[in-house]
Protein backbone atom coordinates (compact mmCIF):
# COMPACT_ATOMS: atom_id res chain seq x y z
CA MET A 1 -0.30 -0.02 0.34
CA ARG A 2 1.47 3.76 -0.64
CA ILE A 3 -0.39 6.72 -0.21
CA CYS A 4 -0.70 9.03 -3.29
CA LYS A 5 1.09 12.73 -3.53
CA ASP A 6 -2.03 14.60 -5.15
CA CYS A 7 -4.73 12.97 -3.83
CA LYS A 8 -3.42 11.70 -0.59
CA ASN A 9 -5.76 8.34 -0.92
CA GLU A 10 -3.92 5.41 0.12
CA LYS A 11 -4.00 2.45 -2.86
CA ASP A 12 -2.56 -0.69 -3.88
CA LEU A 13 0.78 -0.65 -5.12
CA THR A 14 -0.46 -1.94 -8.67
CA GLU A 15 -2.39 1.17 -9.19
CA PHE A 16 0.18 3.23 -9.42
CA HIS A 17 2.31 4.98 -12.32
CA LYS A 18 5.00 2.54 -13.07
CA GLN A 19 8.13 3.79 -15.28
CA GLY A 20 10.15 1.49 -15.90
CA LYS A 21 10.50 -0.69 -12.82
CA TRP A 22 9.51 1.38 -10.46
CA TYR A 23 6.39 2.50 -9.00
CA ARG A 24 6.01 6.63 -8.89
CA TRP A 25 4.40 8.60 -5.94
CA ARG A 26 1.27 9.40 -8.12
CA CYS A 27 -1.25 7.07 -8.58
CA LYS A 28 -2.46 6.43 -12.58
CA LYS A 29 -5.50 8.55 -12.31
CA CYS A 30 -3.57 11.65 -10.91
CA HIS A 31 -0.46 11.41 -12.74
CA ASN A 32 -3.14 11.37 -16.24
CA LEU A 33 -4.99 14.23 -14.67
CA LYS A 34 -1.17 16.26 -15.03
CA TYR A 35 0.38 15.32 -17.79
CA GLN A 36 -2.74 14.08 -20.07
CA PRO A 37 -5.36 16.43 -18.82
CA PRO A 38 -8.46 16.01 -20.59
CA THR A 39 -9.39 19.03 -23.32
CA GLY A 40 -13.27 18.88 -23.32
CA LYS A 41 -12.99 17.01 -26.92
CA PRO A 42 -13.61 14.20 -28.67
CA ASN A 43 -10.67 11.72 -29.24
CA VAL A 44 -10.38 11.86 -33.42
CA GLY A 45 -7.93 8.67 -33.32
CA ARG A 46 -4.98 10.84 -34.25
CA PHE A 47 -2.66 8.76 -32.62
CA LYS A 48 -4.35 5.38 -34.22
CA LYS A 49 -2.39 2.69 -36.18
CA GLY A 50 -1.95 3.98 -40.22
CA HIS A 51 -2.74 7.97 -38.92
CA ILE A 52 -0.51 10.30 -41.38
CA SER A 53 0.44 13.45 -39.02
CA VAL A 54 0.65 15.70 -41.98
CA PRO A 55 -0.49 19.54 -41.85
CA GLY A 56 -3.33 20.21 -44.44
CA LEU A 57 -3.92 16.80 -45.08
CA ASN A 58 -7.41 15.68 -45.14
CA VAL A 59 -7.07 12.27 -44.46
CA GLY A 60 -9.67 10.34 -46.90
CA ARG A 61 -9.70 13.14 -49.16
CA ILE A 62 -9.86 12.03 -52.81
CA PRO A 63 -8.82 14.05 -55.49
CA TRP A 64 -11.32 15.80 -58.10
CA ASN A 65 -9.25 14.05 -60.57
CA LYS A 66 -8.61 10.28 -59.67
CA GLY A 67 -9.40 7.99 -62.12
CA LYS A 68 -10.71 10.65 -65.39
CA ALA A 69 -8.41 10.49 -67.90
CA ALA A 70 -7.14 13.76 -69.44
CA SER A 71 -9.61 15.17 -72.44
CA GLU A 72 -7.58 15.60 -76.01
CA GLU A 73 -7.62 19.07 -75.63
CA MET A 74 -6.39 19.26 -72.61
CA LYS A 75 -3.15 16.66 -74.17
CA LYS A 76 -2.70 18.81 -76.63
CA MET A 77 -2.12 21.82 -74.52
CA LEU A 78 0.12 20.06 -72.26
CA LEU A 79 2.28 18.89 -75.40
CA ALA A 80 2.43 22.53 -76.58
CA ASN A 81 4.24 23.80 -73.55
CA VAL A 82 6.43 20.87 -73.69
CA LYS A 83 7.21 20.36 -77.47
CA GLY A 84 10.25 22.13 -79.23
CA ARG A 85 11.02 23.77 -75.65
CA LYS A 86 14.89 24.28 -75.84
CA HIS A 87 17.46 26.18 -73.20
CA SER A 88 18.95 29.12 -75.05
CA PRO A 89 22.86 28.94 -75.52
CA GLU A 90 23.11 31.49 -73.02
CA GLU A 91 21.76 29.40 -69.98
CA ILE A 92 23.37 26.14 -71.73
CA GLU A 93 26.80 27.95 -71.03
CA LYS A 94 25.90 29.26 -67.77
CA ARG A 95 25.15 26.26 -66.61
CA ARG A 96 28.03 24.23 -68.20
CA GLN A 97 30.36 26.77 -66.09
CA SER A 98 28.55 26.28 -62.93
CA LEU A 99 29.25 22.63 -63.58
CA ILE A 100 32.63 23.52 -64.15
CA LYS A 101 33.22 25.38 -60.71
CA ILE A 102 31.71 22.82 -58.95
CA TRP A 103 33.79 19.83 -60.14
CA GLU A 104 36.92 22.49 -59.79
CA ASN A 105 36.08 22.63 -55.81
CA LYS A 106 35.39 18.97 -55.67
CA ALA A 107 38.66 18.62 -57.51
CA GLY A 108 40.55 20.71 -54.49
CA ARG A 109 39.05 18.58 -51.80
CA LYS A 110 40.28 15.39 -53.09
CA ARG A 111 43.23 15.19 -49.88
CA HIS A 112 40.96 12.20 -48.77
CA SER A 113 39.86 10.71 -52.21
CA SER A 114 40.56 7.28 -53.64
CA ILE A 115 42.30 8.78 -56.56
CA LEU A 116 44.94 10.42 -54.10
CA ARG A 117 45.64 6.98 -52.27
CA ARG A 118 45.62 5.31 -55.64
CA PHE A 119 48.59 7.88 -56.39
CA SER A 120 50.20 7.72 -53.51
CA ARG A 121 50.14 3.74 -53.77
CA GLU A 122 51.83 4.29 -56.61
CA ILE A 123 54.77 6.76 -56.09
CA ARG A 124 56.04 4.25 -53.20
CA GLU A 125 55.81 1.38 -55.30
CA ARG A 126 57.76 3.26 -57.33
CA ASP A 127 60.20 4.47 -54.95
CA ASN A 128 60.32 0.60 -53.57
CA PHE A 129 58.94 1.77 -50.18
CA THR A 130 62.25 3.59 -48.60
CA CYS A 131 62.08 7.27 -47.60
CA LYS A 132 64.23 8.88 -50.43
CA GLU A 133 65.90 11.27 -47.04
CA CYS A 134 67.19 8.47 -44.93
CA LEU A 135 66.41 5.39 -46.59
CA ALA A 136 64.16 3.69 -43.96
CA THR A 137 61.96 0.89 -44.69
CA ASP A 138 60.62 -0.46 -41.54
CA LYS A 139 58.56 3.16 -41.22
CA LYS A 140 55.21 4.53 -41.64
CA LEU A 141 55.86 6.34 -45.07
CA HIS A 142 54.08 9.96 -46.33
CA VAL A 143 53.84 10.83 -50.13
CA HIS A 144 55.39 14.16 -50.04
CA HIS A 145 54.63 17.02 -52.39
CA ILE A 146 58.07 18.70 -53.83
CA VAL A 147 55.60 22.12 -55.03
CA PRO A 148 52.91 22.38 -52.83
CA TRP A 149 49.35 21.11 -53.06
CA ASP A 150 47.70 24.07 -52.59
CA ASN A 151 49.81 25.88 -55.02
CA GLU A 152 49.78 24.07 -58.63
CA LYS A 153 46.53 22.08 -59.00
CA ASP A 154 48.52 21.49 -62.34
CA LEU A 155 50.73 19.48 -60.49
CA ARG A 156 48.82 17.39 -57.65
CA PHE A 157 48.97 13.93 -59.29
CA ASP A 158 52.31 14.58 -61.33
CA GLU A 159 54.90 11.57 -60.67
CA SER A 160 57.61 13.93 -60.93
CA ASN A 161 56.51 16.22 -57.96
CA ALA A 162 56.12 13.44 -55.48
CA ILE A 163 58.71 11.64 -53.73
CA THR A 164 58.44 9.19 -50.96
CA LEU A 165 59.13 10.11 -47.24
CA CYS A 166 59.29 8.55 -43.60
CA ILE A 167 56.45 10.43 -41.06
CA SER A 168 59.61 11.86 -39.28
CA CYS A 169 61.54 13.42 -42.59
CA HIS A 170 58.14 14.44 -43.63
CA MET A 171 57.37 16.19 -40.81
CA LYS A 172 61.10 17.61 -40.65
CA LEU A 173 60.88 19.12 -44.13
CA HIS A 174 57.61 21.10 -43.63
CA SER A 175 58.57 22.57 -40.54
CA ALA A 176 62.00 23.95 -42.03
CA GLU A 177 59.81 25.33 -44.83
CA ARG A 178 58.02 26.83 -41.96
CA LEU A 179 60.83 28.34 -40.35
CA ALA A 180 62.18 29.28 -43.16
CA THR A 181 58.83 31.70 -44.04
CA GLY A 182 59.24 33.21 -40.47
CA TRP A 183 56.69 31.64 -38.80
CA THR A 184 57.09 31.02 -34.91
CA PRO A 185 55.18 29.08 -32.89
CA TRP A 186 52.70 32.28 -30.65
CA PRO A 187 53.57 31.10 -27.28
CA LYS A 188 57.83 31.20 -28.49
CA GLY A 189 59.32 34.23 -26.13
CA LYS A 190 56.30 34.99 -23.82
CA LYS A 191 55.82 34.92 -20.55
CA MET A 192 52.66 33.96 -18.74
CA SER A 193 50.92 36.97 -16.68
CA LYS A 194 50.56 36.54 -13.24
CA GLU A 195 46.54 36.64 -13.38
CA HIS A 196 46.89 33.48 -16.00
CA ARG A 197 49.06 31.98 -13.48
CA LYS A 198 47.12 32.62 -10.84
CA LYS A 199 44.05 31.77 -13.20
CA MET A 200 45.52 28.30 -14.19
CA SER A 201 46.24 27.47 -10.50
CA GLU A 202 43.11 27.91 -8.93
CA SER A 203 42.03 25.81 -11.44
CA HIS A 204 43.74 22.55 -10.69
CA LYS A 205 43.46 23.56 -7.10
CA GLY A 206 41.85 20.81 -5.10
CA GLN A 207 42.16 18.30 -8.18
CA LYS A 208 43.53 14.65 -7.20
CA ALA A 209 45.56 12.17 -8.98
CA TRP A 210 43.59 9.11 -10.41
CA ASN A 211 46.66 7.04 -8.85
CA LYS A 212 47.22 8.88 -5.46
CA GLY A 213 47.48 6.91 -2.70
CA LYS A 214 46.85 3.60 -4.42
CA ARG A 215 49.19 0.96 -4.35
CA MET A 216 50.09 -1.18 -7.21
CA ASN A 217 49.15 -4.93 -7.61
CA VAL A 218 51.57 -7.29 -8.60
CA THR A 219 51.33 -10.81 -9.13
CA VAL A 220 54.56 -13.19 -9.20
CA VAL A 221 53.85 -15.80 -11.33
């Protein structure tokens, strides 16, 4: 037995609203009154099986032309509107230029495409899966573009513009190119202000390491 939270009546536990596997503190009647209040309108079967909840659609409405064949006059009028209609050369050229622009934009995003993966595999096979800088064969290999990818679109898939490098040599080469252009990391040579230090110390205050005070369990076999 349990007392309902709203009506204060003592009822059997099975008469209470159940959520999951637990019975709540309102009976079914009070729960329905709170979350499903009566509107005074009859139930039109909105949530019944087969209901299509599309706004503005009259369920069961039959179109006026259902099952009716179009008249000969209507057919001639429709054919006259379509027959002989052609796009002007200006419109065709405009559409062609838009398609070329879309294709160029897609071609510029071929970093992770199947074409680039195939090209990369061909270059690595050409170089016998060997880094051209340190002659390593047991490292992860990349394909480096001598002329950068973004500079020349025509040389992106040119075999003479690509060499095989290991991941460490590739990163060193790109970092050297950045430093040659005057690029420097933003925190280099900068000191942290006292306010920022205080803010960081306050944010880390009270945090404990996950392994603080714990002993490592070692099993000797």
